[in-house]
Amino acid sequence: MGENKRKVMTGTELAKWGIPLLAMYSNLSSESVIQNHDHGKLFEICYLKRGLQKYFIENEEYTLRGGDVFMTFPNEVHSTGNNPQSRGCLYWMHIDSTCSCLLGLDEESSNTLIKSLYSVKNRKIRIRDNVASGLVNACAMVEKGEKLDIIAARAMLIEFLYELIKAENGQETRNSVSNPIEEAKKYIEDNIKEQITLSSVADRVGFSLSHFKYKFTKETGMTPGEYIMQKKIYDSVSLLPDRSLTYIAYEYSFSSPQHYSKNFKAVTGLTPKEYRKKMKNSVNQ
């Protein structure tokens, strides 16, 4: 399995324009849990390009899938709860709520943009790919670091924030999962202990294999293979306290206990033994 990749850009030319951080990760395996924290005077906006990730603000849970944006306000405590940073790709940015020249705008325009961000009610927002590309491409421009690239990045981020606020107002919030993909998800969940092939699921919903993989990934933010593996692992967790890894592995149609353990850690960030210990400790608290 390849390495996880992470880029964090701070202290760039954008910092004086109220953007002290732009970052991304591309994880092939889960990483550590993010504990409770806040960012002081900064907004944080996260765009999950692919994968599945949970966030918590107080006791409220937000589940992000590929194509979702999650936003936290200044001084707002948040975490991933007991969930690791999952496999997938995520971009994020910080915005200084006190900046009077945000992204090079005049003071009145900066105040208008910041006030509009404070007015956002839906923390989880579904956006189109062409909207998300503003943040993704801006990160690439800032990494280049040339003067003209920074100018382009500023323009991209202004448009990204405008489109994000417009989307939050209800123009892009409709459910984007079609009936065939919902049927595919239900079929997977109903047969999660079986050895599920992608071709069998594609046949079930009347798609060619290539079209099914494209549609599933586009609408859920995860490949069907990733979705099946996550469902198998999290469904199997309930057996950990009472059953052996060998029993669980074959119950869920893994080729071996080692294959099950490897995928368990990739999905949860913990080995089955570590997860079992964690469950036991939580019961005894």
Protein backbone atom coordinates (compact mmCIF):
# COMPACT_ATOMS: atom_id res chain seq x y z
CA MET A 1 0.00 0.00 0.00
CA GLY A 2 1.34 3.48 -0.96
CA GLU A 3 2.07 6.34 1.39
CA ASN A 4 -0.33 9.00 2.58
CA LYS A 5 0.43 12.45 1.17
CA ARG A 6 -0.05 15.80 2.92
CA LYS A 7 0.73 19.39 1.93
CA VAL A 8 0.30 22.30 4.35
CA MET A 9 1.05 25.78 3.02
CA THR A 10 1.46 28.54 5.63
CA GLY A 11 3.27 31.84 5.55
CA THR A 12 2.62 32.24 1.84
CA GLU A 13 1.87 35.47 -0.02
CA LEU A 14 -1.83 34.82 0.71
CA ALA A 15 -1.31 35.17 4.47
CA LYS A 16 -1.38 38.97 4.26
CA TRP A 17 -4.71 38.67 2.44
CA GLY A 18 -6.34 36.79 5.31
CA ILE A 19 -5.62 33.19 4.21
CA PRO A 20 -2.93 31.93 6.63
CA LEU A 21 -3.28 28.29 5.59
CA LEU A 22 -4.14 26.17 2.56
CA ALA A 23 -3.70 22.40 2.83
CA MET A 24 -4.63 19.00 1.45
CA TYR A 25 -4.16 15.32 2.16
CA SER A 26 -4.56 12.23 0.05
CA ASN A 27 -4.80 9.20 2.32
CA LEU A 28 -4.48 5.60 1.17
CA SER A 29 -4.95 4.47 4.78
CA SER A 30 -6.65 6.04 7.79
CA GLU A 31 -4.70 8.30 10.15
CA SER A 32 -5.15 9.41 13.75
CA VAL A 33 -8.30 10.83 15.33
CA ILE A 34 -8.54 14.65 15.42
CA GLN A 35 -9.20 15.69 19.03
CA ASN A 36 -11.31 18.66 20.16
CA HIS A 37 -9.76 21.93 19.01
CA ASP A 38 -10.62 25.35 17.61
CA HIS A 39 -8.88 27.86 15.34
CA GLY A 40 -9.31 31.11 17.27
CA LYS A 41 -10.36 33.94 14.97
CA LEU A 42 -10.27 31.72 11.86
CA PHE A 43 -13.01 30.11 9.80
CA GLU A 44 -12.10 26.62 8.56
CA ILE A 45 -13.57 25.33 5.31
CA CYS A 46 -12.95 21.68 4.36
CA TYR A 47 -13.77 20.14 0.98
CA LEU A 48 -13.83 16.33 0.86
CA LYS A 49 -12.97 15.42 -2.72
CA ARG A 50 -13.39 11.69 -2.15
CA GLY A 51 -13.95 9.35 0.77
CA LEU A 52 -16.10 9.53 3.90
CA GLN A 53 -15.37 11.56 7.03
CA LYS A 54 -17.22 12.33 10.26
CA TYR A 55 -16.96 15.59 12.21
CA PHE A 56 -18.49 16.58 15.54
CA ILE A 57 -19.45 19.97 16.96
CA GLU A 58 -20.52 19.48 20.56
CA ASN A 59 -22.76 16.39 20.33
CA GLU A 60 -23.88 16.88 16.74
CA GLU A 61 -22.46 14.55 14.09
CA TYR A 62 -21.85 15.50 10.46
CA THR A 63 -21.03 12.80 7.89
CA LEU A 64 -19.21 14.04 4.81
CA ARG A 65 -19.01 12.17 1.52
CA GLY A 66 -17.06 13.10 -1.57
CA GLY A 67 -18.35 16.41 -2.92
CA ASP A 68 -19.29 17.85 0.50
CA VAL A 69 -17.92 20.95 2.20
CA PHE A 70 -17.80 21.35 5.99
CA MET A 71 -17.39 24.72 7.67
CA THR A 72 -16.56 25.75 11.24
CA PHE A 73 -16.75 29.25 12.68
CA PRO A 74 -14.10 31.15 14.66
CA ASN A 75 -13.54 29.82 18.22
CA GLU A 76 -15.78 26.81 17.55
CA VAL A 77 -14.59 23.53 19.06
CA HIS A 78 -14.77 20.53 16.70
CA SER A 79 -13.25 17.07 16.26
CA THR A 80 -13.64 13.79 14.38
CA GLY A 81 -14.97 12.11 17.54
CA ASN A 82 -13.66 8.56 17.74
CA ASN A 83 -13.23 8.42 13.96
CA PRO A 84 -9.82 8.60 12.28
CA GLN A 85 -9.02 10.75 9.29
CA SER A 86 -10.29 8.36 6.65
CA ARG A 87 -8.97 7.14 3.34
CA GLY A 88 -9.68 9.75 0.71
CA CYS A 89 -8.70 13.25 -0.36
CA LEU A 90 -9.48 16.46 1.51
CA TYR A 91 -8.63 20.13 0.89
CA TRP A 92 -9.02 22.83 3.52
CA MET A 93 -8.39 26.51 4.14
CA HIS A 94 -8.38 29.00 7.02
CA ILE A 95 -9.88 32.48 6.71
CA ASP A 96 -9.08 35.34 9.08
CA SER A 97 -12.41 36.77 10.27
CA THR A 98 -10.72 40.07 11.24
CA CYS A 99 -8.98 40.75 7.92
CA SER A 100 -9.94 44.11 6.37
CA CYS A 101 -8.39 43.28 2.98
CA LEU A 102 -9.56 39.67 2.52
CA LEU A 103 -8.08 38.24 -0.68
CA GLY A 104 -7.16 41.76 -1.78
CA LEU A 105 -10.68 43.17 -1.55
CA ASP A 106 -11.38 46.63 -0.17
CA GLU A 107 -12.56 46.92 3.44
CA GLU A 108 -16.27 47.17 2.60
CA SER A 109 -16.15 44.12 0.31
CA SER A 110 -14.11 42.17 2.89
CA ASN A 111 -16.68 42.91 5.58
CA THR A 112 -19.51 41.84 3.25
CA LEU A 113 -17.81 38.53 2.46
CA ILE A 114 -17.01 37.78 6.12
CA LYS A 115 -20.54 38.72 7.20
CA SER A 116 -21.91 36.36 4.52
CA LEU A 117 -19.74 33.53 5.88
CA TYR A 118 -21.06 34.15 9.39
CA SER A 119 -24.61 33.91 8.00
CA VAL A 120 -24.09 30.35 6.70
CA LYS A 121 -26.57 28.04 8.45
CA ASN A 122 -25.82 24.66 6.85
CA ARG A 123 -22.36 23.55 7.92
CA LYS A 124 -22.38 20.68 5.43
CA ILE A 125 -22.87 21.88 1.87
CA ARG A 126 -22.98 19.85 -1.34
CA ILE A 127 -21.16 21.56 -4.22
CA ARG A 128 -20.55 20.95 -7.90
CA ASP A 129 -17.15 19.81 -9.19
CA ASN A 130 -16.56 23.09 -11.03
CA VAL A 131 -17.12 25.01 -7.78
CA ALA A 132 -14.75 22.75 -5.82
CA SER A 133 -12.09 23.20 -8.51
CA GLY A 134 -11.67 26.79 -7.30
CA LEU A 135 -10.17 25.60 -4.01
CA VAL A 136 -8.28 22.68 -5.58
CA ASN A 137 -6.71 24.81 -8.31
CA ALA A 138 -5.93 27.66 -5.90
CA CYS A 139 -3.87 25.24 -3.80
CA ALA A 140 -1.91 24.27 -6.90
CA MET A 141 -1.34 27.93 -7.81
CA VAL A 142 -0.11 28.85 -4.32
CA GLU A 143 2.27 25.90 -4.35
CA LYS A 144 3.87 27.31 -7.52
CA GLY A 145 4.36 30.57 -5.66
CA GLU A 146 4.90 32.97 -8.58
CA LYS A 147 3.33 36.45 -8.38
CA LEU A 148 0.92 35.80 -11.23
CA ASP A 149 -0.05 32.43 -9.73
CA ILE A 150 -0.91 34.11 -6.41
CA ILE A 151 -3.11 36.64 -8.22
CA ALA A 152 -4.90 33.78 -9.96
CA ALA A 153 -5.31 31.91 -6.65
CA ARG A 154 -6.89 34.96 -5.01
CA ALA A 155 -9.43 35.24 -7.83
CA MET A 156 -10.21 31.52 -7.65
CA LEU A 157 -10.79 31.64 -3.89
CA ILE A 158 -13.08 34.68 -4.12
CA GLU A 159 -15.21 32.86 -6.69
CA PHE A 160 -15.10 29.66 -4.62
CA LEU A 161 -16.39 31.45 -1.50
CA TYR A 162 -19.08 33.25 -3.52
CA GLU A 163 -20.31 29.98 -5.06
CA LEU A 164 -20.17 28.25 -1.67
CA ILE A 165 -22.36 30.91 -0.05
CA LYS A 166 -24.76 30.79 -3.00
CA ALA A 167 -24.95 26.99 -2.75
CA GLU A 168 -25.67 27.20 0.98
CA ASN A 169 -28.66 29.40 0.21
CA GLY A 170 -30.35 26.36 -1.28
CA GLN A 171 -29.44 26.42 -4.94
CA GLU A 172 -27.16 23.34 -4.82
CA THR A 173 -28.37 21.40 -1.77
CA ARG A 174 -30.56 18.79 -3.43
CA ASN A 175 -29.82 15.08 -3.04
CA SER A 176 -27.52 13.99 -5.85
CA VAL A 177 -27.77 10.21 -5.35
CA SER A 178 -29.90 8.61 -8.04
CA ASN A 179 -32.28 5.67 -7.57
CA PRO A 180 -29.95 3.11 -9.25
CA ILE A 181 -27.08 4.05 -6.93
CA GLU A 182 -29.36 3.93 -3.88
CA GLU A 183 -30.45 0.46 -5.04
CA ALA A 184 -26.79 -0.56 -5.41
CA LYS A 185 -26.00 0.64 -1.88
CA LYS A 186 -28.96 -1.29 -0.47
CA TYR A 187 -27.92 -4.45 -2.33
CA ILE A 188 -24.39 -4.13 -0.91
CA GLU A 189 -25.69 -3.60 2.63
CA ASP A 190 -28.12 -6.53 2.38
CA ASN A 191 -25.33 -8.85 1.21
CA ILE A 192 -22.42 -7.39 3.15
CA LYS A 193 -21.21 -10.76 4.47
CA GLU A 194 -20.99 -12.22 0.98
CA GLN A 195 -18.16 -11.94 -1.53
CA ILE A 196 -19.63 -9.09 -3.56
CA THR A 197 -18.31 -8.46 -7.06
CA LEU A 198 -18.70 -5.09 -8.73
CA SER A 199 -20.01 -6.74 -11.89
CA SER A 200 -22.84 -8.37 -9.92
CA VAL A 201 -23.87 -5.01 -8.44
CA ALA A 202 -23.64 -3.33 -11.86
CA ASP A 203 -25.87 -6.06 -13.35
CA ARG A 204 -28.31 -5.58 -10.49
CA VAL A 205 -28.90 -1.93 -11.44
CA GLY A 206 -28.67 -2.44 -15.21
CA PHE A 207 -25.38 -0.60 -15.80
CA SER A 208 -22.20 -1.65 -17.55
CA LEU A 209 -19.34 -2.12 -15.10
CA SER A 210 -17.46 0.99 -16.23
CA HIS A 211 -20.59 3.18 -16.13
CA PHE A 212 -21.53 1.81 -12.70
CA LYS A 213 -18.10 2.59 -11.23
CA TYR A 214 -18.20 6.09 -12.72
CA LYS A 215 -21.74 6.83 -11.47
CA PHE A 216 -21.17 5.37 -8.00
CA THR A 217 -17.96 7.34 -7.45
CA LYS A 218 -19.45 10.53 -8.87
CA GLU A 219 -22.56 10.38 -6.67
CA THR A 220 -21.13 9.08 -3.39
CA GLY A 221 -17.56 10.37 -3.44
CA MET A 222 -16.21 6.84 -2.93
CA THR A 223 -15.41 4.03 -5.34
CA PRO A 224 -17.77 1.06 -4.97
CA GLY A 225 -14.82 -1.04 -3.78
CA GLU A 226 -14.07 1.46 -1.00
CA TYR A 227 -17.74 1.57 -0.03
CA ILE A 228 -17.99 -2.23 0.20
CA MET A 229 -14.82 -2.45 2.29
CA GLN A 230 -15.92 0.26 4.73
CA LYS A 231 -19.32 -1.39 5.13
CA LYS A 232 -17.75 -4.81 5.77
CA ILE A 233 -15.31 -3.48 8.35
CA TYR A 234 -17.77 -1.35 10.32
CA ASP A 235 -20.47 -4.04 10.18
CA SER A 236 -17.99 -6.57 11.57
CA VAL A 237 -17.05 -4.40 14.58
CA SER A 238 -19.97 -5.73 16.64
CA LEU A 239 -18.42 -9.22 16.56
CA LEU A 240 -15.01 -8.16 17.89
CA PRO A 241 -15.78 -8.59 21.63
CA ASP A 242 -16.97 -12.20 21.33
CA ARG A 243 -15.51 -13.76 18.17
CA SER A 244 -12.03 -14.63 16.94
CA LEU A 245 -10.48 -12.78 14.00
CA THR A 246 -10.51 -16.02 12.03
CA TYR A 247 -14.27 -16.41 12.52
CA ILE A 248 -14.95 -12.76 11.60
CA ALA A 249 -12.69 -12.85 8.54
CA TYR A 250 -14.44 -15.85 7.01
CA GLU A 251 -17.88 -14.66 8.13
CA TYR A 252 -17.36 -11.55 5.98
CA SER A 253 -15.73 -13.43 3.08
CA PHE A 254 -12.15 -12.22 3.52
CA SER A 255 -9.47 -14.53 2.15
CA SER A 256 -7.68 -14.76 5.52
CA PRO A 257 -7.51 -13.19 9.01
CA GLN A 258 -4.43 -11.28 7.83
CA HIS A 259 -6.38 -9.83 4.88
CA TYR A 260 -9.15 -8.77 7.26
CA SER A 261 -6.70 -7.18 9.75
CA LYS A 262 -4.88 -5.26 7.02
CA ASN A 263 -8.10 -3.75 5.68
CA PHE A 264 -9.43 -3.14 9.20
CA LYS A 265 -6.46 -0.93 10.01
CA ALA A 266 -6.65 0.86 6.64
CA VAL A 267 -10.30 1.78 7.29
CA THR A 268 -10.27 2.52 11.04
CA GLY A 269 -6.65 3.49 11.70
CA LEU A 270 -6.40 0.76 14.38
CA THR A 271 -5.68 -2.96 14.35
CA PRO A 272 -8.60 -5.22 15.37
CA LYS A 273 -6.77 -5.88 18.66
CA GLU A 274 -6.40 -2.13 19.36
CA TYR A 275 -10.03 -1.50 18.42
CA ARG A 276 -11.20 -4.36 20.66
CA LYS A 277 -9.21 -2.89 23.58
CA LYS A 278 -10.71 0.53 22.90
CA MET A 279 -14.24 -0.94 22.97
CA LYS A 280 -13.52 -2.71 26.24
CA ASN A 281 -12.14 0.46 27.86
CA SER A 282 -15.18 2.49 26.80
CA VAL A 283 -17.52 -0.06 28.40
CA ASN A 284 -15.56 0.00 31.66
CA GLN A 285 -15.52 3.78 31.95
